Protein backbone atom coordinates (compact mmCIF):
# COMPACT_ATOMS: atom_id res chain seq x y z
CA MET A 1 19.37 118.11 -23.49
CA HIS A 2 22.18 120.15 -22.16
CA ARG A 3 19.84 122.60 -20.33
CA ALA A 4 17.81 119.61 -18.82
CA LEU A 5 20.99 118.30 -17.63
CA ALA A 6 22.79 121.84 -15.90
CA ALA A 7 19.36 121.70 -13.76
CA LEU A 8 20.23 118.64 -12.63
CA GLY A 9 23.88 119.27 -11.77
CA HIS A 10 25.80 118.00 -14.89
CA PRO A 11 25.57 114.25 -14.44
CA GLU A 12 27.11 113.58 -17.69
CA ARG A 13 30.36 115.20 -16.42
CA SER A 14 30.62 112.94 -13.63
CA LEU A 15 30.32 109.92 -15.21
CA PRO A 16 32.50 106.59 -15.36
CA PRO A 17 34.66 106.06 -18.69
CA VAL A 18 32.01 105.57 -21.49
CA VAL A 19 32.33 103.43 -24.88
CA HIS A 20 29.39 105.37 -27.05
CA VAL A 21 28.32 103.12 -29.53
CA ALA A 22 26.30 104.30 -33.10
CA GLY A 23 25.52 102.48 -35.94
CA THR A 24 21.96 101.50 -37.98
CA ASN A 25 22.46 97.66 -37.36
CA GLY A 26 24.44 95.63 -34.93
CA LYS A 27 24.40 98.85 -31.89
CA GLY A 28 23.06 96.42 -29.44
CA SER A 29 24.48 92.97 -30.10
CA THR A 30 28.18 95.20 -30.17
CA CYS A 31 26.91 96.88 -26.62
CA ALA A 32 26.40 93.02 -25.01
CA PHE A 33 29.79 91.93 -26.16
CA LEU A 34 31.19 95.03 -24.62
CA ARG A 35 29.67 94.47 -21.42
CA ALA A 36 29.97 90.28 -21.49
CA ILE A 37 33.71 91.32 -22.16
CA GLY A 38 33.97 94.03 -19.19
CA GLU A 39 31.97 91.93 -16.87
CA ALA A 40 34.33 88.77 -17.64
CA ALA A 41 37.44 90.97 -16.38
CA GLY A 42 35.15 91.45 -12.82
CA GLN A 43 33.96 94.91 -13.80
CA ARG A 44 30.76 96.60 -12.94
CA VAL A 45 29.36 98.00 -16.23
CA HIS A 46 26.50 100.48 -16.71
CA VAL A 47 24.48 99.79 -20.24
CA TYR A 48 22.07 102.66 -21.53
CA THR A 49 20.04 100.82 -24.97
CA SER A 50 16.97 101.49 -26.59
CA PRO A 51 14.15 100.09 -27.45
CA HIS A 52 13.32 97.91 -24.79
CA LEU A 53 11.64 94.64 -25.59
CA VAL A 54 9.04 93.65 -22.80
CA ARG A 55 9.70 96.01 -20.11
CA PHE A 56 10.53 99.88 -20.36
CA HIS A 57 13.23 99.15 -17.38
CA GLU A 58 15.34 96.73 -19.81
CA ARG A 59 17.18 100.04 -20.94
CA VAL A 60 18.61 100.81 -17.87
CA ARG A 61 21.26 98.51 -16.54
CA LEU A 62 23.30 99.49 -12.77
CA ALA A 63 26.38 97.66 -12.13
CA GLY A 64 25.27 94.66 -13.75
CA THR A 65 21.91 94.74 -12.66
CA LEU A 66 18.38 95.92 -14.43
CA VAL A 67 16.82 99.09 -12.74
CA SER A 68 14.09 98.66 -10.16
CA ASP A 69 11.29 100.29 -10.65
CA VAL A 70 11.37 102.10 -7.67
CA ALA A 71 14.88 103.87 -9.09
CA LEU A 72 13.90 104.53 -12.07
CA THR A 73 10.58 106.17 -11.51
CA ALA A 74 12.46 108.23 -8.95
CA ALA A 75 14.83 109.36 -11.44
CA LEU A 76 12.68 110.34 -14.18
CA GLU A 77 10.41 112.31 -11.28
CA GLU A 78 13.68 114.06 -10.64
CA ALA A 79 14.26 114.67 -14.25
CA GLU A 80 11.17 116.05 -15.26
CA ALA A 81 11.20 118.32 -12.06
CA ALA A 82 14.52 119.89 -13.11
CA ASN A 83 12.96 120.29 -16.61
CA GLY A 84 10.35 122.80 -15.30
CA GLY A 85 7.60 121.99 -17.85
CA GLU A 86 10.16 122.89 -21.00
CA PRO A 87 9.50 121.20 -24.25
CA ILE A 88 11.37 117.70 -24.51
CA THR A 89 10.81 114.31 -25.33
CA VAL A 90 10.07 111.05 -23.82
CA PHE A 91 13.62 109.31 -25.14
CA GLU A 92 15.71 112.70 -23.85
CA ILE A 93 14.48 112.77 -20.67
CA THR A 94 14.91 109.00 -20.00
CA THR A 95 18.08 109.76 -21.33
CA ALA A 96 18.58 112.40 -18.70
CA ALA A 97 17.10 110.53 -15.90
CA ALA A 98 19.85 107.57 -17.42
CA LEU A 99 22.49 109.34 -16.91
CA LEU A 100 21.63 110.71 -13.34
CA LEU A 101 21.41 106.84 -12.09
CA PHE A 102 25.12 106.60 -13.93
CA SER A 103 26.90 109.13 -12.36
CA ARG A 104 25.28 108.06 -8.89
CA VAL A 105 26.06 104.68 -8.26
CA PRO A 106 29.39 103.52 -8.96
CA ALA A 107 30.54 101.59 -12.20
CA ASP A 108 34.01 100.79 -14.02
CA MET A 109 32.34 101.20 -17.41
CA LEU A 110 28.97 102.85 -18.78
CA VAL A 111 27.83 101.12 -22.25
CA LEU A 112 26.04 104.02 -23.94
CA GLU A 113 24.11 103.18 -26.91
CA VAL A 114 22.73 105.62 -29.54
CA GLY A 115 19.00 106.14 -29.70
CA LEU A 116 18.95 107.36 -33.53
CA GLY A 117 21.63 108.97 -35.35
CA GLY A 118 24.45 110.78 -33.29
CA ARG A 119 25.45 113.85 -34.05
CA LEU A 120 21.91 114.89 -32.60
CA ASP A 121 21.36 112.29 -30.51
CA ALA A 122 20.18 112.86 -26.91
CA THR A 123 22.89 110.52 -25.70
CA ASN A 124 25.66 112.78 -28.05
CA VAL A 125 26.53 114.40 -24.80
CA VAL A 126 29.74 113.09 -23.23
CA ASP A 127 32.52 115.37 -24.19
CA ARG A 128 35.25 112.69 -23.55
CA PRO A 129 34.38 109.06 -23.79
CA VAL A 130 37.22 106.25 -23.68
CA ALA A 131 36.21 105.46 -27.08
CA THR A 132 33.47 105.34 -29.83
CA ALA A 133 32.01 102.37 -32.47
CA ILE A 134 30.07 102.44 -35.35
CA THR A 135 28.55 99.59 -36.52
CA SER A 136 26.89 98.67 -39.64
CA LEU A 137 25.56 101.36 -41.83
CA SER A 138 22.07 100.85 -44.29
CA MET A 139 19.50 102.65 -45.19
CA ASP A 140 17.04 103.55 -42.34
CA HIS A 141 14.79 106.59 -40.59
CA MET A 142 15.68 108.33 -43.64
CA ASP A 143 13.36 111.23 -42.96
CA PHE A 144 15.35 112.29 -40.28
CA LEU A 145 19.28 110.82 -40.95
CA GLY A 146 19.43 111.77 -44.88
CA ASP A 147 18.39 109.72 -48.10
CA THR A 148 22.24 108.36 -49.00
CA LEU A 149 24.27 106.36 -46.99
CA GLY A 150 27.11 109.52 -46.73
CA ALA A 151 24.20 111.58 -45.03
CA ILE A 152 23.26 108.65 -42.67
CA ALA A 153 27.03 108.00 -42.28
CA PHE A 154 27.68 111.72 -41.46
CA GLU A 155 25.04 111.46 -38.85
CA LYS A 156 26.49 108.23 -36.95
CA ALA A 157 29.90 110.00 -37.15
CA GLY A 158 28.79 112.64 -34.90
CA ILE A 159 29.49 110.90 -31.86
CA MET A 160 33.28 111.19 -33.25
CA LYS A 161 35.49 113.29 -30.34
CA PRO A 162 38.83 114.84 -30.88
CA GLY A 163 41.67 112.59 -29.91
CA VAL A 164 39.33 109.70 -29.07
CA PRO A 165 39.48 106.27 -31.31
CA CYS A 166 36.39 105.30 -33.00
CA ALA A 167 36.29 101.54 -34.04
CA THR A 168 34.51 101.01 -37.41
CA GLY A 169 33.01 97.88 -39.40
CA ALA A 170 33.70 97.27 -43.05
CA HIS A 171 31.55 100.14 -44.90
CA ALA A 172 30.39 100.63 -48.60
CA GLU A 173 32.53 102.95 -50.27
CA GLU A 174 30.50 105.91 -49.65
CA ALA A 175 29.67 105.71 -45.71
CA ALA A 176 33.55 104.93 -45.52
CA ALA A 177 34.86 107.79 -47.23
CA MET A 178 32.39 109.82 -45.13
CA LEU A 179 33.18 108.40 -41.56
CA ALA A 180 37.02 109.04 -43.06
CA ARG A 181 36.45 112.52 -43.94
CA VAL A 182 34.91 113.11 -40.41
CA ALA A 183 37.22 111.26 -38.35
CA ALA A 184 40.20 113.34 -39.91
CA ASP A 185 38.18 116.35 -39.07
CA HIS A 186 37.74 115.79 -35.49
CA GLY A 187 41.20 114.46 -35.33
CA ALA A 188 39.53 110.90 -34.27
CA PRO A 189 41.41 107.81 -34.68
CA LEU A 190 39.64 105.74 -36.76
CA LEU A 191 40.16 102.10 -36.22
CA ALA A 192 38.43 99.94 -39.39
CA ARG A 193 37.90 96.59 -40.47
CA GLY A 194 40.03 95.23 -42.68
CA ARG A 195 42.66 97.90 -42.37
CA ASP A 196 43.67 98.32 -38.72
CA TRP A 197 41.82 95.54 -37.22
CA ARG A 198 40.64 92.23 -38.48
CA CYS A 199 37.83 89.47 -36.99
CA GLU A 200 37.84 86.15 -39.06
CA PRO A 201 36.36 82.74 -38.73
CA VAL A 202 38.80 79.97 -37.93
CA PRO A 203 37.60 76.22 -37.12
CA ARG A 204 37.41 76.51 -33.66
CA GLY A 205 36.04 79.99 -33.28
CA LEU A 206 37.46 83.15 -34.46
CA ARG A 207 41.05 85.29 -34.61
CA TYR A 208 41.26 88.59 -34.03
CA THR A 209 44.27 90.77 -34.74
CA ASP A 210 45.58 94.16 -34.88
CA ALA A 211 48.98 95.86 -34.65
CA ARG A 212 48.95 94.59 -31.04
CA GLY A 213 49.04 91.00 -32.05
CA ALA A 214 46.38 88.21 -32.37
CA ILE A 215 44.07 86.37 -29.82
CA ASP A 216 42.07 83.06 -30.81
CA LEU A 217 38.75 83.18 -29.30
CA PRO A 218 35.83 80.83 -29.34
CA PRO A 219 32.66 81.29 -31.12
CA PRO A 220 30.63 84.41 -30.11
CA GLY A 221 27.70 83.69 -27.83
CA LEU A 222 25.23 85.28 -30.04
CA PRO A 223 24.89 83.00 -33.59
CA GLY A 224 25.44 84.36 -37.21
CA PRO A 225 27.80 85.45 -39.34
CA HIS A 226 27.40 89.31 -38.77
CA GLN A 227 28.18 89.10 -34.94
CA ILE A 228 31.87 88.33 -35.97
CA GLU A 229 32.21 91.92 -36.91
CA ASN A 230 30.18 92.94 -34.24
CA ALA A 231 32.27 91.14 -31.55
CA GLY A 232 35.66 92.43 -33.35
CA ILE A 233 34.28 96.23 -33.01
CA ALA A 234 33.81 96.00 -29.43
CA ILE A 235 37.13 94.14 -28.74
CA ALA A 236 38.72 96.86 -31.08
CA ALA A 237 37.06 100.01 -29.52
CA LEU A 238 38.25 98.61 -26.00
CA ARG A 239 42.01 97.22 -27.36
CA ALA A 240 42.04 101.26 -28.04
CA TRP A 241 41.17 102.31 -24.63
CA ASN A 242 42.99 100.00 -22.99
CA PRO A 243 42.63 99.71 -19.51
CA ALA A 244 44.17 97.88 -16.95
CA TRP A 245 41.94 94.89 -16.54
CA LEU A 246 41.57 93.70 -20.37
CA THR A 247 43.51 90.71 -20.66
CA ASP A 248 42.84 88.33 -23.92
CA ASP A 249 41.48 85.67 -20.99
CA ALA A 250 38.52 88.39 -20.56
CA ILE A 251 37.76 89.05 -23.90
CA ALA A 252 37.26 85.54 -24.80
CA ARG A 253 35.40 84.71 -22.03
CA GLY A 254 33.10 87.72 -22.65
CA VAL A 255 32.75 86.92 -26.41
CA ALA A 256 31.21 83.40 -25.60
CA ALA A 257 29.27 84.49 -22.51
CA ALA A 258 27.55 87.54 -24.75
CA GLU A 259 23.66 87.30 -24.61
CA TRP A 260 21.25 89.74 -26.19
CA PRO A 261 17.28 89.32 -26.92
CA ALA A 262 15.89 89.05 -30.17
CA ARG A 263 19.04 88.58 -31.91
CA LEU A 264 18.78 85.10 -33.50
CA GLN A 265 17.09 83.84 -30.25
CA ARG A 266 16.26 79.88 -30.40
CA LEU A 267 12.75 80.44 -28.11
CA SER A 268 11.18 77.93 -25.61
CA GLY A 269 8.49 78.53 -23.63
CA ALA A 270 4.57 78.47 -24.74
CA LEU A 271 4.93 79.68 -28.11
CA ALA A 272 7.41 77.14 -28.91
CA ASP A 273 5.63 74.28 -27.51
CA SER A 274 2.36 74.83 -29.70
CA LEU A 275 4.68 73.56 -32.72
CA PRO A 276 4.70 69.86 -33.06
CA PRO A 277 7.80 68.17 -31.97
CA GLY A 278 11.05 68.47 -33.91
CA PHE A 279 10.28 72.34 -34.97
CA GLU A 280 12.45 74.97 -33.52
CA LEU A 281 11.41 78.41 -33.54
CA TRP A 282 13.88 81.13 -33.60
CA LEU A 283 13.29 85.15 -33.55
CA ASP A 284 15.24 87.96 -34.56
CA GLY A 285 14.54 92.17 -34.11
CA GLY A 286 16.20 92.68 -37.54
CA HIS A 287 13.69 95.35 -39.49
CA ASN A 288 16.04 96.89 -42.17
CA ALA A 289 17.49 96.08 -45.70
CA GLY A 290 20.87 95.60 -43.57
CA ALA A 291 19.47 93.14 -41.33
CA GLY A 292 17.69 91.42 -44.24
CA VAL A 293 21.00 91.01 -45.76
CA ALA A 294 22.58 89.89 -42.66
CA LEU A 295 19.85 87.45 -41.80
CA ALA A 296 20.22 86.15 -45.88
CA ALA A 297 23.88 84.99 -44.58
CA HIS A 298 23.22 82.77 -41.96
CA LEU A 299 20.22 80.96 -43.51
CA PRO A 300 22.53 79.00 -46.14
CA ALA A 301 23.50 77.16 -42.84
CA TRP A 302 19.73 75.83 -42.08
CA ALA A 303 19.42 74.24 -45.30
CA ASP A 304 19.17 71.67 -43.82
CA ARG A 305 14.98 71.73 -42.68
CA PRO A 306 12.54 73.92 -43.91
CA LEU A 307 12.37 77.06 -43.17
CA HIS A 308 9.02 79.44 -42.14
CA LEU A 309 9.58 82.95 -41.98
CA VAL A 310 6.78 84.85 -39.93
CA VAL A 311 6.94 88.81 -40.91
CA GLY A 312 5.76 91.68 -38.86
CA MET A 313 6.91 95.15 -39.45
CA LYS A 314 6.62 98.78 -38.33
CA LYS A 315 4.79 101.49 -40.50
CA GLY A 316 7.21 103.17 -42.67
CA LYS A 317 9.86 100.88 -42.74
CA ALA A 318 11.23 99.50 -46.27
CA SER A 319 10.09 95.93 -46.25
CA VAL A 320 10.56 95.28 -49.70
CA ASP A 321 14.16 95.90 -48.89
CA PHE A 322 14.20 93.32 -46.05
CA LEU A 323 12.30 90.83 -47.38
CA ARG A 324 13.95 90.70 -51.12
CA PRO A 325 17.37 88.73 -49.97
CA LEU A 326 15.41 86.34 -47.40
CA ILE A 327 12.20 85.41 -49.75
CA PRO A 328 14.34 82.34 -51.81
CA PHE A 329 15.00 80.53 -48.43
CA ALA A 330 11.87 80.59 -47.15
CA THR A 331 9.75 77.27 -47.65
CA THR A 332 6.54 79.44 -46.79
CA LEU A 333 6.19 83.23 -45.88
CA THR A 334 3.94 84.42 -43.58
CA ALA A 335 2.68 88.17 -42.94
CA VAL A 336 1.65 88.53 -39.14
CA ALA A 337 0.65 91.97 -37.43
CA GLU A 338 -0.08 91.48 -33.31
CA PRO A 339 -2.76 93.10 -32.06
CA GLY A 340 -0.58 94.73 -29.25
CA GLN A 341 2.29 95.81 -31.78
CA HIS A 342 3.23 99.24 -31.85
CA LEU A 343 2.50 100.69 -35.32
CA ALA A 344 2.17 97.58 -37.26
CA MET A 345 2.29 97.89 -40.57
CA PRO A 346 -1.23 96.32 -42.13
CA VAL A 347 -0.79 92.77 -42.82
CA GLU A 348 -2.10 93.09 -46.59
CA ASP A 349 0.99 95.45 -46.80
CA ILE A 350 3.46 92.97 -46.30
CA VAL A 351 2.37 90.70 -48.61
CA ALA A 352 2.51 93.28 -51.26
CA ALA A 353 5.82 93.90 -50.66
CA SER A 354 6.47 90.23 -50.79
CA GLY A 355 4.85 89.90 -54.39
CA GLY A 356 2.33 87.90 -53.49
CA VAL A 357 4.43 85.57 -51.87
CA ALA A 358 3.61 85.71 -48.29
CA ARG A 359 0.34 85.01 -46.76
CA PRO A 360 -1.50 86.57 -44.44
CA GLY A 361 -1.38 84.93 -40.81
CA PRO A 362 -3.13 87.35 -39.22
CA THR A 363 -1.31 86.58 -35.81
CA VAL A 364 1.67 84.68 -35.13
CA THR A 365 -0.47 82.13 -33.07
CA GLN A 366 -2.34 81.31 -36.07
CA ALA A 367 0.39 81.33 -38.28
CA LEU A 368 2.12 78.76 -36.21
CA THR A 369 -0.29 76.62 -36.13
CA ARG A 370 -0.83 76.31 -39.66
CA ILE A 371 2.97 76.06 -39.85
CA GLY A 372 2.31 72.87 -37.63
CA ARG A 373 -0.36 71.58 -39.39
CA GLU A 374 1.51 71.57 -43.11
CA GLY A 375 4.66 69.90 -43.18
CA PRO A 376 7.74 68.04 -41.81
CA PRO A 377 9.31 69.64 -39.15
CA GLY A 378 11.54 72.61 -40.01
CA ARG A 379 12.62 75.82 -38.36
CA VAL A 380 10.38 79.25 -38.19
CA LEU A 381 11.85 82.39 -37.68
CA VAL A 382 10.16 84.91 -36.28
CA CYS A 383 11.37 88.79 -37.58
CA GLY A 384 10.90 92.26 -39.18
CA SER A 385 10.23 94.53 -35.96
CA LEU A 386 11.97 94.87 -32.67
CA TYR A 387 8.07 95.48 -31.92
CA LEU A 388 7.14 92.04 -32.76
CA ALA A 389 9.81 90.92 -30.89
CA GLY A 390 8.86 92.29 -27.38
CA GLU A 391 5.20 91.35 -28.43
CA VAL A 392 6.30 87.47 -28.95
CA LEU A 393 9.00 87.14 -25.70
CA LYS A 394 5.75 88.16 -23.75
CA ALA A 395 3.46 85.20 -25.52
CA SER A 396 6.66 82.84 -25.00
CA ALA A 397 6.55 83.33 -21.31
CA GLY A 398 3.23 82.09 -20.94
């Protein structure tokens, strides 16, 4: 990355203030809260996220607007030409092109999401972000990041920089100890949930509290109890940076306005319309053990109606660990693999991971048809993979 960026004239040195976000789960949602708060304050916000769900250009948002195909193509071609045929991955060349665009379009903040890990990630080329954030950690990508929470936390903590505050959520003891150790080694002030800041539900929304005082907030725009922590991490990072534009009002309006596809998103459109009246269709891209636990924490609020889980996963994911906390809440569980789904886990493997509880769809459309015929109106939650989520969003658009 340093070689490729040098060939491009070091665009990473000409960026607006950067908030760098790592973690296993919640990175995208935290980025959504950061962006929404900035935009509520009237700021121009660049955003870099991955993966995309439907179209590749979703990864790059320039000053509030998704990059055009023409601009993205031109930047990718310029980055490829500067790279001169040297070895480089798709994510690395995309990141180089995105940084080039971010350096050329004026903005007030760049929200930069890590692709994988942190220490060796292609985005970890910014020497001096204004703040960093590390969201929920769990076992995922163990072939790259290590097979213990401590090892994974070490890789994520690689985005910490000397003197740059790092906001983190609540973590298991092993992960928290590693984050604290790396923060001390880097000289990075660590802002941990429960010690340095709190964000808790109150009757009319949330209350965020840190050393500077308390803010009463409306309910988050993103549903689910896990979003309370993601909103808090975003607020803690921004208050540690403390730009002149950050007001309590902007924080409140941003938290309420945040949106992010495939994070407990209620769907409308063609797929939802295929269900009988009274059904709700929901979508979540959660796909690992931590995401299963987070989803399960939301499901008691849905106990008033039958819940039908439709699950498709990516090959290599820990399907047993994802499914275990969810199965007790499911009226039915259906395993699916869409024809266009990248690296889809075979349906029979998901059935086996469920202990035989799941039945084959084998596709989302077939699963919805069966669910709609069999019982009273309920909720259908499609989950297990961001790649599946992308296919569902395409089908929903008709």
